[in-house]
């Protein structure tokens, strides 16, 4: 998600799935897989914030808790 936030602010990296129906269908399929997984891991944590710093802090807090499931985790390297 962090990369999406970074690249989303730069027109050189525009979202081609908005212009290509095949890429749009792949993106939709990925979304569906993610939503399908959530009921199979009750108690999982879904990262929904668009604030990159907050997403990183929340992800780290969940990782520090050890045994957890995180959907859409934010990782910085």
PDB file of N, CA and C in Angstrom:
ATOM      1  N   UNK A   1       0.824  -1.176   0.000  1.00  0.00           N
ATOM      2  CA  UNK A   1       0.000   0.000   0.000  1.00  0.00           C
ATOM      3  C   UNK A   1       0.873   1.246   0.000  1.00  0.00           C
ATOM      4  N   UNK A   2       1.968   1.195   0.702  1.00  0.00           N
ATOM      5  CA  UNK A   2       2.849   2.356   0.760  1.00  0.00           C
ATOM      6  C   UNK A   2       3.342   2.728  -0.635  1.00  0.00           C
ATOM      7  N   UNK A   3       3.744   1.733  -1.421  1.00  0.00           N
ATOM      8  CA  UNK A   3       4.207   2.026  -2.777  1.00  0.00           C
ATOM      9  C   UNK A   3       3.097   2.674  -3.592  1.00  0.00           C
ATOM     10  N   UNK A   4       1.884   2.198  -3.409  1.00  0.00           N
ATOM     11  CA  UNK A   4       0.752   2.770  -4.132  1.00  0.00           C
ATOM     12  C   UNK A   4       0.588   4.238  -3.776  1.00  0.00           C
ATOM     13  N   UNK A   5       0.786   4.567  -2.505  1.00  0.00           N
ATOM     14  CA  UNK A   5       0.683   5.959  -2.079  1.00  0.00           C
ATOM     15  C   UNK A   5       1.798   6.806  -2.683  1.00  0.00           C
ATOM     16  N   UNK A   6       2.999   6.270  -2.705  1.00  0.00           N
ATOM     17  CA  UNK A   6       4.145   7.006  -3.238  1.00  0.00           C
ATOM     18  C   UNK A   6       3.989   7.226  -4.737  1.00  0.00           C
ATOM     19  N   UNK A   7       3.722   6.145  -5.467  1.00  0.00           N
ATOM     20  CA  UNK A   7       3.631   6.255  -6.919  1.00  0.00           C
ATOM     21  C   UNK A   7       2.356   6.955  -7.380  1.00  0.00           C
ATOM     22  N   UNK A   8       1.328   6.899  -6.554  1.00  0.00           N
ATOM     23  CA  UNK A   8       0.081   7.554  -6.918  1.00  0.00           C
ATOM     24  C   UNK A   8       0.194   9.063  -7.006  1.00  0.00           C
ATOM     25  N   UNK A   9       1.236   9.620  -6.404  1.00  0.00           N
ATOM     26  CA  UNK A   9       1.438  11.063  -6.423  1.00  0.00           C
ATOM     27  C   UNK A   9       2.292  11.518  -7.600  1.00  0.00           C
ATOM     28  N   UNK A  10       2.787  10.603  -8.395  1.00  0.00           N
ATOM     29  CA  UNK A  10       3.678  10.924  -9.504  1.00  0.00           C
ATOM     30  C   UNK A  10       3.029  10.475 -10.813  1.00  0.00           C
ATOM     31  N   UNK A  11       2.739  11.411 -11.709  1.00  0.00           N
ATOM     32  CA  UNK A  11       2.055  11.094 -12.965  1.00  0.00           C
ATOM     33  C   UNK A  11       2.832  10.142 -13.860  1.00  0.00           C
ATOM     34  N   UNK A  12       4.150  10.037 -13.664  1.00  0.00           N
ATOM     35  CA  UNK A  12       4.928   9.096 -14.473  1.00  0.00           C
ATOM     36  C   UNK A  12       4.518   7.655 -14.204  1.00  0.00           C
ATOM     37  N   UNK A  13       3.895   7.433 -13.048  1.00  0.00           N
ATOM     38  CA  UNK A  13       3.492   6.084 -12.645  1.00  0.00           C
ATOM     39  C   UNK A  13       1.974   5.972 -12.593  1.00  0.00           C
ATOM     40  N   UNK A  14       1.301   6.531 -13.581  1.00  0.00           N
ATOM     41  CA  UNK A  14      -0.159   6.514 -13.582  1.00  0.00           C
ATOM     42  C   UNK A  14      -0.679   5.076 -13.608  1.00  0.00           C
ATOM     43  N   UNK A  15      -1.866   4.906 -13.113  1.00  0.00           N
ATOM     44  CA  UNK A  15      -2.492   3.599 -13.019  1.00  0.00           C
ATOM     45  C   UNK A  15      -3.015   3.182 -14.389  1.00  0.00           C
ATOM     46  N   UNK A  16      -2.296   2.312 -15.067  1.00  0.00           N
ATOM     47  CA  UNK A  16      -2.682   1.875 -16.405  1.00  0.00           C
ATOM     48  C   UNK A  16      -3.940   1.011 -16.399  1.00  0.00           C
ATOM     49  N   UNK A  17      -4.300   0.472 -15.236  1.00  0.00           N
ATOM     50  CA  UNK A  17      -5.512  -0.347 -15.203  1.00  0.00           C
ATOM     51  C   UNK A  17      -6.752   0.491 -15.470  1.00  0.00           C
ATOM     52  N   UNK A  18      -6.636   1.812 -15.297  1.00  0.00           N
ATOM     53  CA  UNK A  18      -7.751   2.687 -15.637  1.00  0.00           C
ATOM     54  C   UNK A  18      -7.924   2.791 -17.147  1.00  0.00           C
ATOM     55  N   UNK A  19      -6.875   2.475 -17.905  1.00  0.00           N
ATOM     56  CA  UNK A  19      -6.902   2.600 -19.354  1.00  0.00           C
ATOM     57  C   UNK A  19      -6.944   1.243 -20.067  1.00  0.00           C
ATOM     58  N   UNK A  20      -6.704   0.175 -19.351  1.00  0.00           N
ATOM     59  CA  UNK A  20      -6.605  -1.153 -19.947  1.00  0.00           C
ATOM     60  C   UNK A  20      -7.567  -2.105 -19.227  1.00  0.00           C
ATOM     61  N   UNK A  21      -8.549  -2.623 -19.926  1.00  0.00           N
ATOM     62  CA  UNK A  21      -9.559  -3.472 -19.294  1.00  0.00           C
ATOM     63  C   UNK A  21      -8.959  -4.769 -18.748  1.00  0.00           C
ATOM     64  N   UNK A  22      -7.926  -5.300 -19.402  1.00  0.00           N
ATOM     65  CA  UNK A  22      -7.283  -6.519 -18.904  1.00  0.00           C
ATOM     66  C   UNK A  22      -6.613  -6.263 -17.562  1.00  0.00           C
ATOM     67  N   UNK A  23      -5.859  -5.170 -17.455  1.00  0.00           N
ATOM     68  CA  UNK A  23      -5.213  -4.837 -16.188  1.00  0.00           C
ATOM     69  C   UNK A  23      -6.250  -4.538 -15.106  1.00  0.00           C
ATOM     70  N   UNK A  24      -7.347  -3.912 -15.493  1.00  0.00           N
ATOM     71  CA  UNK A  24      -8.404  -3.626 -14.529  1.00  0.00           C
ATOM     72  C   UNK A  24      -8.993  -4.922 -13.978  1.00  0.00           C
ATOM     73  N   UNK A  25      -9.174  -5.917 -14.842  1.00  0.00           N
ATOM     74  CA  UNK A  25      -9.732  -7.190 -14.377  1.00  0.00           C
ATOM     75  C   UNK A  25      -8.746  -7.920 -13.459  1.00  0.00           C
ATOM     76  N   UNK A  26      -7.460  -7.820 -13.741  1.00  0.00           N
ATOM     77  CA  UNK A  26      -6.459  -8.417 -12.842  1.00  0.00           C
ATOM     78  C   UNK A  26      -6.493  -7.750 -11.471  1.00  0.00           C
ATOM     79  N   UNK A  27      -6.596  -6.437 -11.454  1.00  0.00           N
ATOM     80  CA  UNK A  27      -6.658  -5.709 -10.188  1.00  0.00           C
ATOM     81  C   UNK A  27      -7.908  -6.106  -9.406  1.00  0.00           C
ATOM     82  N   UNK A  28      -9.016  -6.206 -10.084  1.00  0.00           N
ATOM     83  CA  UNK A  28     -10.271  -6.610  -9.429  1.00  0.00           C
ATOM     84  C   UNK A  28     -10.144  -8.019  -8.877  1.00  0.00           C
ATOM     85  N   UNK A  29      -9.500  -8.907  -9.619  1.00  0.00           N
ATOM     86  CA  UNK A  29      -9.290 -10.273  -9.135  1.00  0.00           C
ATOM     87  C   UNK A  29      -8.450 -10.301  -7.875  1.00  0.00           C
ATOM     88  N   UNK A  30      -7.416  -9.473  -7.817  1.00  0.00           N
ATOM     89  CA  UNK A  30      -6.589  -9.389  -6.617  1.00  0.00           C
ATOM     90  C   UNK A  30      -7.386  -8.894  -5.430  1.00  0.00           C
ATOM     91  N   UNK A  31      -8.234  -7.921  -5.663  1.00  0.00           N
ATOM     92  CA  UNK A  31      -9.104  -7.408  -4.608  1.00  0.00           C
ATOM     93  C   UNK A  31     -10.023  -8.507  -4.099  1.00  0.00           C
ATOM     94  N   UNK A  32     -10.595  -9.274  -5.016  1.00  0.00           N
ATOM     95  CA  UNK A  32     -11.514 -10.343  -4.631  1.00  0.00           C
ATOM     96  C   UNK A  32     -10.810 -11.410  -3.800  1.00  0.00           C
ATOM     97  N   UNK A  33      -9.583 -11.749  -4.158  1.00  0.00           N
ATOM     98  CA  UNK A  33      -8.822 -12.749  -3.395  1.00  0.00           C
ATOM     99  C   UNK A  33      -8.580 -12.241  -1.976  1.00  0.00           C
ATOM    100  N   UNK A  34      -8.216 -10.971  -1.857  1.00  0.00           N
ATOM    101  CA  UNK A  34      -7.987 -10.393  -0.532  1.00  0.00           C
ATOM    102  C   UNK A  34      -9.239 -10.424   0.329  1.00  0.00           C
ATOM    103  N   UNK A  35     -10.360 -10.053  -0.258  1.00  0.00           N
ATOM    104  CA  UNK A  35     -11.624 -10.066   0.484  1.00  0.00           C
ATOM    105  C   UNK A  35     -12.050 -11.497   0.823  1.00  0.00           C
ATOM    106  N   UNK A  36     -11.764 -12.431  -0.059  1.00  0.00           N
ATOM    107  CA  UNK A  36     -12.089 -13.834   0.191  1.00  0.00           C
ATOM    108  C   UNK A  36     -11.287 -14.374   1.381  1.00  0.00           C
ATOM    109  N   UNK A  37     -10.036 -13.923   1.535  1.00  0.00           N
ATOM    110  CA  UNK A  37      -9.164 -14.427   2.593  1.00  0.00           C
ATOM    111  C   UNK A  37      -9.592 -13.958   3.982  1.00  0.00           C
ATOM    112  N   UNK A  38     -10.165 -12.780   4.071  1.00  0.00           N
ATOM    113  CA  UNK A  38     -10.472 -12.199   5.384  1.00  0.00           C
ATOM    114  C   UNK A  38     -11.367 -13.071   6.264  1.00  0.00           C
ATOM    115  N   UNK A  39     -12.453 -13.647   5.763  1.00  0.00           N
ATOM    116  CA  UNK A  39     -13.279 -14.492   6.633  1.00  0.00           C
ATOM    117  C   UNK A  39     -12.583 -15.780   7.076  1.00  0.00           C
ATOM    118  N   UNK A  40     -11.536 -16.171   6.348  1.00  0.00           N
ATOM    119  CA  UNK A  40     -10.823 -17.395   6.695  1.00  0.00           C
ATOM    120  C   UNK A  40      -9.801 -17.176   7.811  1.00  0.00           C
ATOM    121  N   UNK A  41      -9.557 -15.930   8.154  1.00  0.00           N
ATOM    122  CA  UNK A  41      -8.609 -15.596   9.215  1.00  0.00           C
ATOM    123  C   UNK A  41      -9.271 -14.610  10.179  1.00  0.00           C
ATOM    124  N   UNK A  42     -10.249 -15.097  10.958  1.00  0.00           N
ATOM    125  CA  UNK A  42     -10.944 -14.186  11.882  1.00  0.00           C
ATOM    126  C   UNK A  42      -9.960 -13.581  12.876  1.00  0.00           C
ATOM    127  N   UNK A  43     -10.198 -12.349  13.212  1.00  0.00           N
ATOM    128  CA  UNK A  43      -9.298 -11.652  14.125  1.00  0.00           C
ATOM    129  C   UNK A  43      -8.138 -10.991  13.416  1.00  0.00           C
ATOM    130  N   UNK A  44      -8.067 -11.130  12.097  1.00  0.00           N
ATOM    131  CA  UNK A  44      -7.012 -10.471  11.329  1.00  0.00           C
ATOM    132  C   UNK A  44      -7.204  -8.968  11.338  1.00  0.00           C
ATOM    133  N   UNK A  45      -6.130  -8.258  11.129  1.00  0.00           N
ATOM    134  CA  UNK A  45      -6.151  -6.799  11.165  1.00  0.00           C
ATOM    135  C   UNK A  45      -6.047  -6.258   9.740  1.00  0.00           C
ATOM    136  N   UNK A  46      -7.018  -5.455   9.343  1.00  0.00           N
ATOM    137  CA  UNK A  46      -7.061  -4.890   8.001  1.00  0.00           C
ATOM    138  C   UNK A  46      -6.525  -3.467   8.040  1.00  0.00           C
ATOM    139  N   UNK A  47      -5.472  -3.212   7.300  1.00  0.00           N
ATOM    140  CA  UNK A  47      -4.889  -1.872   7.243  1.00  0.00           C
ATOM    141  C   UNK A  47      -5.684  -1.060   6.222  1.00  0.00           C
ATOM    142  N   UNK A  48      -6.429  -0.078   6.699  1.00  0.00           N
ATOM    143  CA  UNK A  48      -7.297   0.684   5.802  1.00  0.00           C
ATOM    144  C   UNK A  48      -6.881   2.142   5.660  1.00  0.00           C
ATOM    145  N   UNK A  49      -5.941   2.588   6.448  1.00  0.00           N
ATOM    146  CA  UNK A  49      -5.531   3.987   6.379  1.00  0.00           C
ATOM    147  C   UNK A  49      -4.749   4.282   5.102  1.00  0.00           C
ATOM    148  N   UNK A  50      -4.880   5.488   4.605  1.00  0.00           N
ATOM    149  CA  UNK A  50      -4.093   5.928   3.454  1.00  0.00           C
ATOM    150  C   UNK A  50      -2.898   6.769   3.889  1.00  0.00           C
ATOM    151  N   UNK A  51      -2.739   6.946   5.198  1.00  0.00           N
ATOM    152  CA  UNK A  51      -1.604   7.677   5.750  1.00  0.00           C
ATOM    153  C   UNK A  51      -0.431   6.703   5.877  1.00  0.00           C
ATOM    154  N   UNK A  52       0.597   6.895   5.067  1.00  0.00           N
ATOM    155  CA  UNK A  52       1.721   5.951   5.015  1.00  0.00           C
ATOM    156  C   UNK A  52       2.405   5.795   6.369  1.00  0.00           C
ATOM    157  N   UNK A  53       2.635   6.885   7.064  1.00  0.00           N
ATOM    158  CA  UNK A  53       3.299   6.811   8.361  1.00  0.00           C
ATOM    159  C   UNK A  53       2.485   6.043   9.378  1.00  0.00           C
ATOM    160  N   UNK A  54       1.201   6.306   9.406  1.00  0.00           N
ATOM    161  CA  UNK A  54       0.310   5.597  10.328  1.00  0.00           C
ATOM    162  C   UNK A  54       0.243   4.117   9.973  1.00  0.00           C
ATOM    163  N   UNK A  55       0.159   3.804   8.695  1.00  0.00           N
ATOM    164  CA  UNK A  55       0.119   2.406   8.267  1.00  0.00           C
ATOM    165  C   UNK A  55       1.383   1.667   8.698  1.00  0.00           C
ATOM    166  N   UNK A  56       2.524   2.308   8.579  1.00  0.00           N
ATOM    167  CA  UNK A  56       3.782   1.684   9.006  1.00  0.00           C
ATOM    168  C   UNK A  56       3.792   1.451  10.517  1.00  0.00           C
ATOM    169  N   UNK A  57       3.339   2.442  11.279  1.00  0.00           N
ATOM    170  CA  UNK A  57       3.313   2.302  12.746  1.00  0.00           C
ATOM    171  C   UNK A  57       2.336   1.216  13.184  1.00  0.00           C
ATOM    172  N   UNK A  58       1.162   1.169  12.569  1.00  0.00           N
ATOM    173  CA  UNK A  58       0.181   0.147  12.920  1.00  0.00           C
ATOM    174  C   UNK A  58       0.698  -1.241  12.565  1.00  0.00           C
ATOM    175  N   UNK A  59       1.289  -1.379  11.399  1.00  0.00           N
ATOM    176  CA  UNK A  59       1.843  -2.671  10.992  1.00  0.00           C
ATOM    177  C   UNK A  59       2.914  -3.121  11.975  1.00  0.00           C
ATOM    178  N   UNK A  60       3.802  -2.210  12.352  1.00  0.00           N
ATOM    179  CA  UNK A  60       4.866  -2.568  13.286  1.00  0.00           C
ATOM    180  C   UNK A  60       4.297  -2.995  14.632  1.00  0.00           C
ATOM    181  N   UNK A  61       3.267  -2.300  15.092  1.00  0.00           N
ATOM    182  CA  UNK A  61       2.642  -2.670  16.367  1.00  0.00           C
ATOM    183  C   UNK A  61       2.064  -4.082  16.297  1.00  0.00           C
ATOM    184  N   UNK A  62       1.423  -4.415  15.185  1.00  0.00           N
ATOM    185  CA  UNK A  62       0.877  -5.765  15.027  1.00  0.00           C
ATOM    186  C   UNK A  62       2.000  -6.800  14.934  1.00  0.00           C
ATOM    187  N   UNK A  63       3.075  -6.468  14.230  1.00  0.00           N
ATOM    188  CA  UNK A  63       4.207  -7.399  14.133  1.00  0.00           C
ATOM    189  C   UNK A  63       4.860  -7.611  15.489  1.00  0.00           C
ATOM    190  N   UNK A  64       4.942  -6.565  16.280  1.00  0.00           N
ATOM    191  CA  UNK A  64       5.521  -6.684  17.619  1.00  0.00           C
ATOM    192  C   UNK A  64       4.683  -7.590  18.515  1.00  0.00           C
ATOM    193  N   UNK A  65       3.389  -7.677  18.229  1.00  0.00           N
ATOM    194  CA  UNK A  65       2.502  -8.543  19.006  1.00  0.00           C
ATOM    195  C   UNK A  65       2.723 -10.017  18.672  1.00  0.00           C
ATOM    196  N   UNK A  66       3.536 -10.289  17.675  1.00  0.00           N
ATOM    197  CA  UNK A  66       3.950 -11.629  17.239  1.00  0.00           C
ATOM    198  C   UNK A  66       2.887 -12.364  16.444  1.00  0.00           C
ATOM    199  N   UNK A  67       2.062 -13.161  17.085  1.00  0.00           N
ATOM    200  CA  UNK A  67       1.137 -14.050  16.392  1.00  0.00           C
ATOM    201  C   UNK A  67      -0.070 -13.262  15.898  1.00  0.00           C
ATOM    202  N   UNK A  68      -0.013 -12.822  14.646  1.00  0.00           N
ATOM    203  CA  UNK A  68      -1.108 -12.021  14.124  1.00  0.00           C
ATOM    204  C   UNK A  68      -1.229 -12.213  12.613  1.00  0.00           C
ATOM    205  N   UNK A  69      -2.372 -11.818  12.104  1.00  0.00           N
ATOM    206  CA  UNK A  69      -2.624 -11.810  10.666  1.00  0.00           C
ATOM    207  C   UNK A  69      -2.894 -10.368  10.287  1.00  0.00           C
ATOM    208  N   UNK A  70      -2.176  -9.881   9.279  1.00  0.00           N
ATOM    209  CA  UNK A  70      -2.334  -8.498   8.838  1.00  0.00           C
ATOM    210  C   UNK A  70      -2.686  -8.514   7.356  1.00  0.00           C
ATOM    211  N   UNK A  71      -3.801  -7.871   7.026  1.00  0.00           N
ATOM    212  CA  UNK A  71      -4.185  -7.715   5.624  1.00  0.00           C
ATOM    213  C   UNK A  71      -3.708  -6.362   5.138  1.00  0.00           C
ATOM    214  N   UNK A  72      -3.024  -6.325   4.013  1.00  0.00           N
ATOM    215  CA  UNK A  72      -2.520  -5.081   3.418  1.00  0.00           C
ATOM    216  C   UNK A  72      -1.507  -4.389   4.335  1.00  0.00           C
ATOM    217  N   UNK A  73      -0.594  -5.156   4.884  1.00  0.00           N
ATOM    218  CA  UNK A  73       0.436  -4.595   5.759  1.00  0.00           C
ATOM    219  C   UNK A  73       1.314  -3.608   4.992  1.00  0.00           C
ATOM    220  N   UNK A  74       1.844  -2.628   5.722  1.00  0.00           N
ATOM    221  CA  UNK A  74       2.750  -1.632   5.135  1.00  0.00           C
ATOM    222  C   UNK A  74       4.172  -1.962   5.580  1.00  0.00           C
ATOM    223  N   UNK A  75       5.062  -2.122   4.636  1.00  0.00           N
ATOM    224  CA  UNK A  75       6.457  -2.447   4.918  1.00  0.00           C
ATOM    225  C   UNK A  75       7.340  -1.429   4.201  1.00  0.00           C
ATOM    226  N   UNK A  76       8.329  -0.917   4.914  1.00  0.00           N
ATOM    227  CA  UNK A  76       9.281   0.012   4.335  1.00  0.00           C
ATOM    228  C   UNK A  76      10.659  -0.625   4.404  1.00  0.00           C
ATOM    229  N   UNK A  77      11.390  -0.551   3.302  1.00  0.00           N
ATOM    230  CA  UNK A  77      12.730  -1.122   3.311  1.00  0.00           C
ATOM    231  C   UNK A  77      13.718  -0.131   2.789  1.00  0.00           C
TER     232      UNK A  77
END
